[in-house]
Protein backbone atom coordinates (compact mmCIF):
# COMPACT_ATOMS: atom_id res chain seq x y z
CA MET A 1 7.09 -33.72 14.04
CA ASP A 2 7.64 -35.92 11.06
CA ASP A 3 10.36 -38.56 11.55
CA VAL A 4 11.67 -37.85 8.04
CA LYS A 5 12.17 -34.19 8.84
CA VAL A 6 14.35 -35.15 11.87
CA ILE A 7 16.30 -37.73 9.84
CA LEU A 8 16.97 -35.20 7.00
CA SER A 9 17.97 -32.52 9.47
CA PHE A 10 20.40 -34.90 11.18
CA ILE A 11 21.93 -35.83 7.81
CA TRP A 12 22.52 -32.10 7.04
CA VAL A 13 24.23 -31.71 10.43
CA ALA A 14 26.38 -34.78 9.70
CA LEU A 15 27.33 -33.34 6.29
CA MET A 16 28.38 -30.06 7.86
CA LEU A 17 30.45 -31.85 10.46
CA CYS A 18 32.25 -33.76 7.67
CA PHE A 19 33.10 -30.45 6.03
CA LEU A 20 34.37 -28.98 9.32
CA LEU A 21 36.35 -32.13 10.14
CA GLY A 22 38.06 -31.86 6.73
CA ASP A 23 38.98 -28.20 7.48
CA VAL A 24 40.40 -29.16 10.88
CA MET A 25 42.31 -32.10 9.41
CA ARG A 26 43.88 -29.83 6.71
CA ILE A 27 45.03 -27.43 9.40
CA PHE A 28 46.59 -30.17 11.57
CA ALA A 29 48.14 -31.95 8.58
CA GLY A 30 49.84 -28.72 7.51
CA ASP A 31 47.99 -28.72 4.19
CA PHE A 32 46.58 -25.28 4.85
CA GLU A 33 48.30 -21.94 4.42
CA PRO A 34 46.34 -19.12 6.08
CA GLY A 35 44.89 -16.63 3.60
CA LYS A 36 45.64 -18.74 0.54
CA LEU A 37 43.74 -21.28 -1.54
CA GLU A 38 45.91 -23.51 -3.74
CA GLY A 39 48.81 -21.15 -3.11
CA LYS A 40 46.94 -18.04 -4.27
CA PRO A 41 45.79 -15.26 -1.94
CA MET A 42 42.05 -15.46 -1.24
CA SER A 43 39.86 -12.43 -1.86
CA GLN A 44 36.92 -11.29 0.21
CA LYS A 45 34.65 -12.70 -2.53
CA VAL A 46 36.18 -16.15 -2.09
CA TYR A 47 35.67 -15.92 1.69
CA LEU A 48 32.03 -14.88 1.09
CA GLY A 49 31.53 -17.83 -1.27
CA LEU A 50 33.01 -20.27 1.21
CA SER A 51 30.89 -18.82 3.97
CA ILE A 52 27.75 -19.25 1.88
CA MET A 53 28.66 -22.86 1.14
CA MET A 54 29.14 -23.53 4.84
CA VAL A 55 25.88 -21.86 5.87
CA ILE A 56 23.72 -23.80 3.42
CA PRO A 57 23.73 -27.02 5.47
CA ILE A 58 22.83 -24.99 8.60
CA LEU A 59 20.01 -23.33 6.64
CA MET A 60 18.85 -26.72 5.39
CA VAL A 61 18.45 -27.97 8.95
CA VAL A 62 16.11 -25.03 9.69
CA LEU A 63 14.25 -25.33 6.37
CA THR A 64 13.86 -29.07 6.74
CA LEU A 65 12.27 -28.68 10.16
CA THR A 66 9.99 -25.83 9.12
CA LEU A 67 8.92 -26.35 5.49
CA ASP A 68 5.88 -28.48 4.68
CA TYR A 69 5.81 -31.48 2.33
CA PRO A 70 6.20 -31.54 -0.73
CA ILE A 71 8.23 -28.33 -0.96
CA ASN A 72 10.46 -29.65 1.81
CA SER A 73 11.17 -32.80 -0.15
CA TRP A 74 12.07 -31.01 -3.35
CA VAL A 75 14.29 -28.40 -1.61
CA ASN A 76 16.20 -31.26 0.04
CA ILE A 77 16.61 -33.14 -3.21
CA ILE A 78 17.77 -30.11 -5.19
CA VAL A 79 20.26 -28.88 -2.63
CA ALA A 80 21.65 -32.37 -2.00
CA ILE A 81 22.22 -32.88 -5.74
CA ILE A 82 24.01 -29.51 -5.90
CA PHE A 83 26.23 -30.48 -3.03
CA PHE A 84 26.86 -33.89 -4.59
CA GLY A 85 28.26 -32.11 -7.66
CA PHE A 86 30.25 -29.74 -5.47
CA ASN A 87 31.74 -32.64 -3.57
CA LEU A 88 32.68 -34.53 -6.80
CA ILE A 89 34.49 -31.44 -8.09
CA GLY A 90 36.28 -31.14 -4.74
CA MET A 91 37.80 -34.67 -5.01
CA ARG A 92 40.48 -33.75 -7.46
CA GLY A 93 43.94 -33.28 -6.03
CA MET A 94 42.86 -34.01 -2.46
CA LYS A 95 44.79 -36.02 0.15
CA ILE A 96 43.46 -39.44 1.08
CA TYR A 97 41.74 -38.24 4.30
CA ASP A 98 39.94 -35.52 2.28
CA LYS A 99 38.83 -38.07 -0.34
CA PHE A 100 37.51 -40.33 2.47
CA LEU A 101 35.50 -37.42 3.97
CA ILE A 102 34.18 -36.43 0.56
CA ILE A 103 33.06 -40.02 -0.12
CA VAL A 104 31.24 -39.99 3.27
CA SER A 105 29.72 -36.64 2.31
CA LEU A 106 28.56 -38.10 -1.02
CA GLY A 107 26.91 -40.89 0.94
CA PHE A 108 25.05 -38.30 3.05
CA ASN A 109 23.95 -36.54 -0.17
CA VAL A 110 22.60 -39.85 -1.52
CA LEU A 111 20.79 -40.54 1.78
CA THR A 112 19.24 -37.07 1.70
CA VAL A 113 17.92 -37.62 -1.82
CA TRP A 114 16.67 -41.10 -1.01
CA TYR A 115 14.81 -40.04 2.20
CA ALA A 116 13.37 -36.94 0.52
CA PHE A 117 12.32 -38.88 -2.57
CA THR A 118 10.69 -41.82 -0.70
CA TRP A 119 8.97 -39.57 1.87
């Protein structure tokens, strides 16, 4: 198996773990109110959207290990850029620990694009 495929897969796992760590930190810090997002009740559509966002890195691990070059490279670049934008939008109004995790996530997005581009 290609070394780049393994590296890219690992970066997607690391990104997902950063997202999960942020969720756990928000719960323990008391910054989370069950069933609400920014003080407003969450609908099933919001839960579905959040579920999709959390499944994408898992799906990227599978796709990265199974797709062939050059499609693999372009899928990684496109999805990483989308997540980069998503993370930038998420930085507003966050606590310091969340901003730190988002900056780390941005770093993982940049690494993904770099590895996929230089493959």
